[in-house]
Each structure stands twice: as C-alpha cells, then as structure tokens.
N, C-alpha and C. Protein backbone atom coordinates (compact mmCIF):
# COMPACT_ATOMS: atom_id res chain seq x y z
N GLU A 1 0.82 -1.20 0.00
CA GLU A 1 0.00 0.00 0.00
C GLU A 1 0.86 1.26 0.00
N GLU A 2 1.80 1.29 0.90
CA GLU A 2 2.63 2.49 1.07
C GLU A 2 3.41 2.83 -0.19
N VAL A 3 4.00 1.84 -0.81
CA VAL A 3 4.87 2.09 -1.96
C VAL A 3 4.07 2.47 -3.20
N TYR A 4 2.95 1.82 -3.43
CA TYR A 4 2.19 2.06 -4.66
C TYR A 4 1.48 3.40 -4.68
N LEU A 5 1.22 3.99 -3.52
CA LEU A 5 0.46 5.23 -3.46
C LEU A 5 1.31 6.48 -3.63
N LYS A 6 2.63 6.35 -3.60
CA LYS A 6 3.50 7.52 -3.62
C LYS A 6 4.60 7.37 -4.66
N ALA A 7 5.09 8.51 -5.13
CA ALA A 7 6.23 8.51 -6.05
C ALA A 7 7.46 8.96 -5.27
N TYR A 8 8.37 8.05 -5.05
CA TYR A 8 9.56 8.35 -4.27
C TYR A 8 10.69 8.78 -5.19
N GLN A 9 11.55 9.65 -4.68
CA GLN A 9 12.66 10.17 -5.46
C GLN A 9 13.92 9.31 -5.32
N THR A 10 14.12 8.72 -4.15
CA THR A 10 15.35 7.97 -3.90
C THR A 10 15.04 6.64 -3.23
N LEU A 11 16.00 5.75 -3.30
CA LEU A 11 15.88 4.46 -2.62
C LEU A 11 15.80 4.66 -1.11
N THR A 12 16.51 5.64 -0.59
CA THR A 12 16.48 5.92 0.84
C THR A 12 15.07 6.27 1.30
N GLU A 13 14.35 7.06 0.51
CA GLU A 13 12.96 7.40 0.85
C GLU A 13 12.08 6.15 0.85
N VAL A 14 12.29 5.28 -0.10
CA VAL A 14 11.51 4.04 -0.18
C VAL A 14 11.78 3.18 1.06
N GLN A 15 13.04 3.02 1.40
CA GLN A 15 13.40 2.19 2.54
C GLN A 15 12.83 2.76 3.84
N ALA A 16 12.88 4.07 4.00
CA ALA A 16 12.34 4.71 5.20
C ALA A 16 10.83 4.51 5.27
N ALA A 17 10.15 4.66 4.15
CA ALA A 17 8.69 4.51 4.12
C ALA A 17 8.29 3.06 4.42
N ILE A 18 9.02 2.12 3.86
CA ILE A 18 8.70 0.71 4.11
C ILE A 18 8.94 0.37 5.57
N GLY A 19 10.04 0.85 6.13
CA GLY A 19 10.32 0.62 7.55
C GLY A 19 9.23 1.20 8.43
N TRP A 20 8.80 2.42 8.10
CA TRP A 20 7.73 3.06 8.87
C TRP A 20 6.45 2.24 8.78
N TYR A 21 6.11 1.79 7.58
CA TYR A 21 4.87 1.05 7.38
C TYR A 21 4.89 -0.30 8.10
N ILE A 22 6.01 -0.98 8.08
CA ILE A 22 6.11 -2.26 8.78
C ILE A 22 5.89 -2.05 10.28
N ASN A 23 6.51 -1.03 10.85
CA ASN A 23 6.31 -0.73 12.27
C ASN A 23 4.86 -0.38 12.55
N PHE A 24 4.26 0.45 11.69
CA PHE A 24 2.86 0.85 11.83
C PHE A 24 1.95 -0.38 11.79
N TYR A 25 2.17 -1.25 10.81
CA TYR A 25 1.36 -2.45 10.64
C TYR A 25 1.48 -3.36 11.86
N ASN A 26 2.71 -3.57 12.31
CA ASN A 26 2.93 -4.46 13.45
C ASN A 26 2.28 -3.91 14.72
N ARG A 27 2.38 -2.61 14.96
CA ARG A 27 1.75 -2.02 16.15
C ARG A 27 0.24 -2.18 16.08
N ASN A 28 -0.36 -1.92 14.94
CA ASN A 28 -1.81 -2.03 14.81
C ASN A 28 -2.28 -3.47 14.88
N ARG A 29 -1.52 -4.37 14.32
CA ARG A 29 -1.89 -5.78 14.35
C ARG A 29 -1.87 -6.30 15.78
N ILE A 30 -0.83 -5.94 16.53
CA ILE A 30 -0.71 -6.39 17.92
C ILE A 30 -1.83 -5.80 18.77
N SER A 31 -2.16 -4.54 18.56
CA SER A 31 -3.23 -3.93 19.36
C SER A 31 -4.59 -4.52 19.00
N ASN A 32 -4.77 -4.99 17.78
CA ASN A 32 -6.03 -5.61 17.39
C ASN A 32 -6.17 -7.03 17.93
N ILE A 33 -5.05 -7.69 18.17
CA ILE A 33 -5.08 -9.05 18.69
C ILE A 33 -5.44 -9.04 20.18
N ALA A 34 -4.89 -8.08 20.89
CA ALA A 34 -5.07 -8.03 22.35
C ALA A 34 -6.47 -7.66 22.76
C-alpha cells in the first residue's frame, strides 16, 4: 500500500517509508489481537 500510493525520489525514501509502514502495521496488528 505504502509504496504504490506515492512517487519516491530515492531508494532511501523508499526504505524509510517501508520501515515506517512495517512498524505501523505491526503495532496495529498487535493492538487488534489483544
């Protein structure tokens, strides 16, 4: 979702966005399980 919705200029931006999204997803998934 994160990557397809935005046009990134550099690989660093892509890596940062993916890292942010993975953390976001994991936090929300854990809170939904509990």
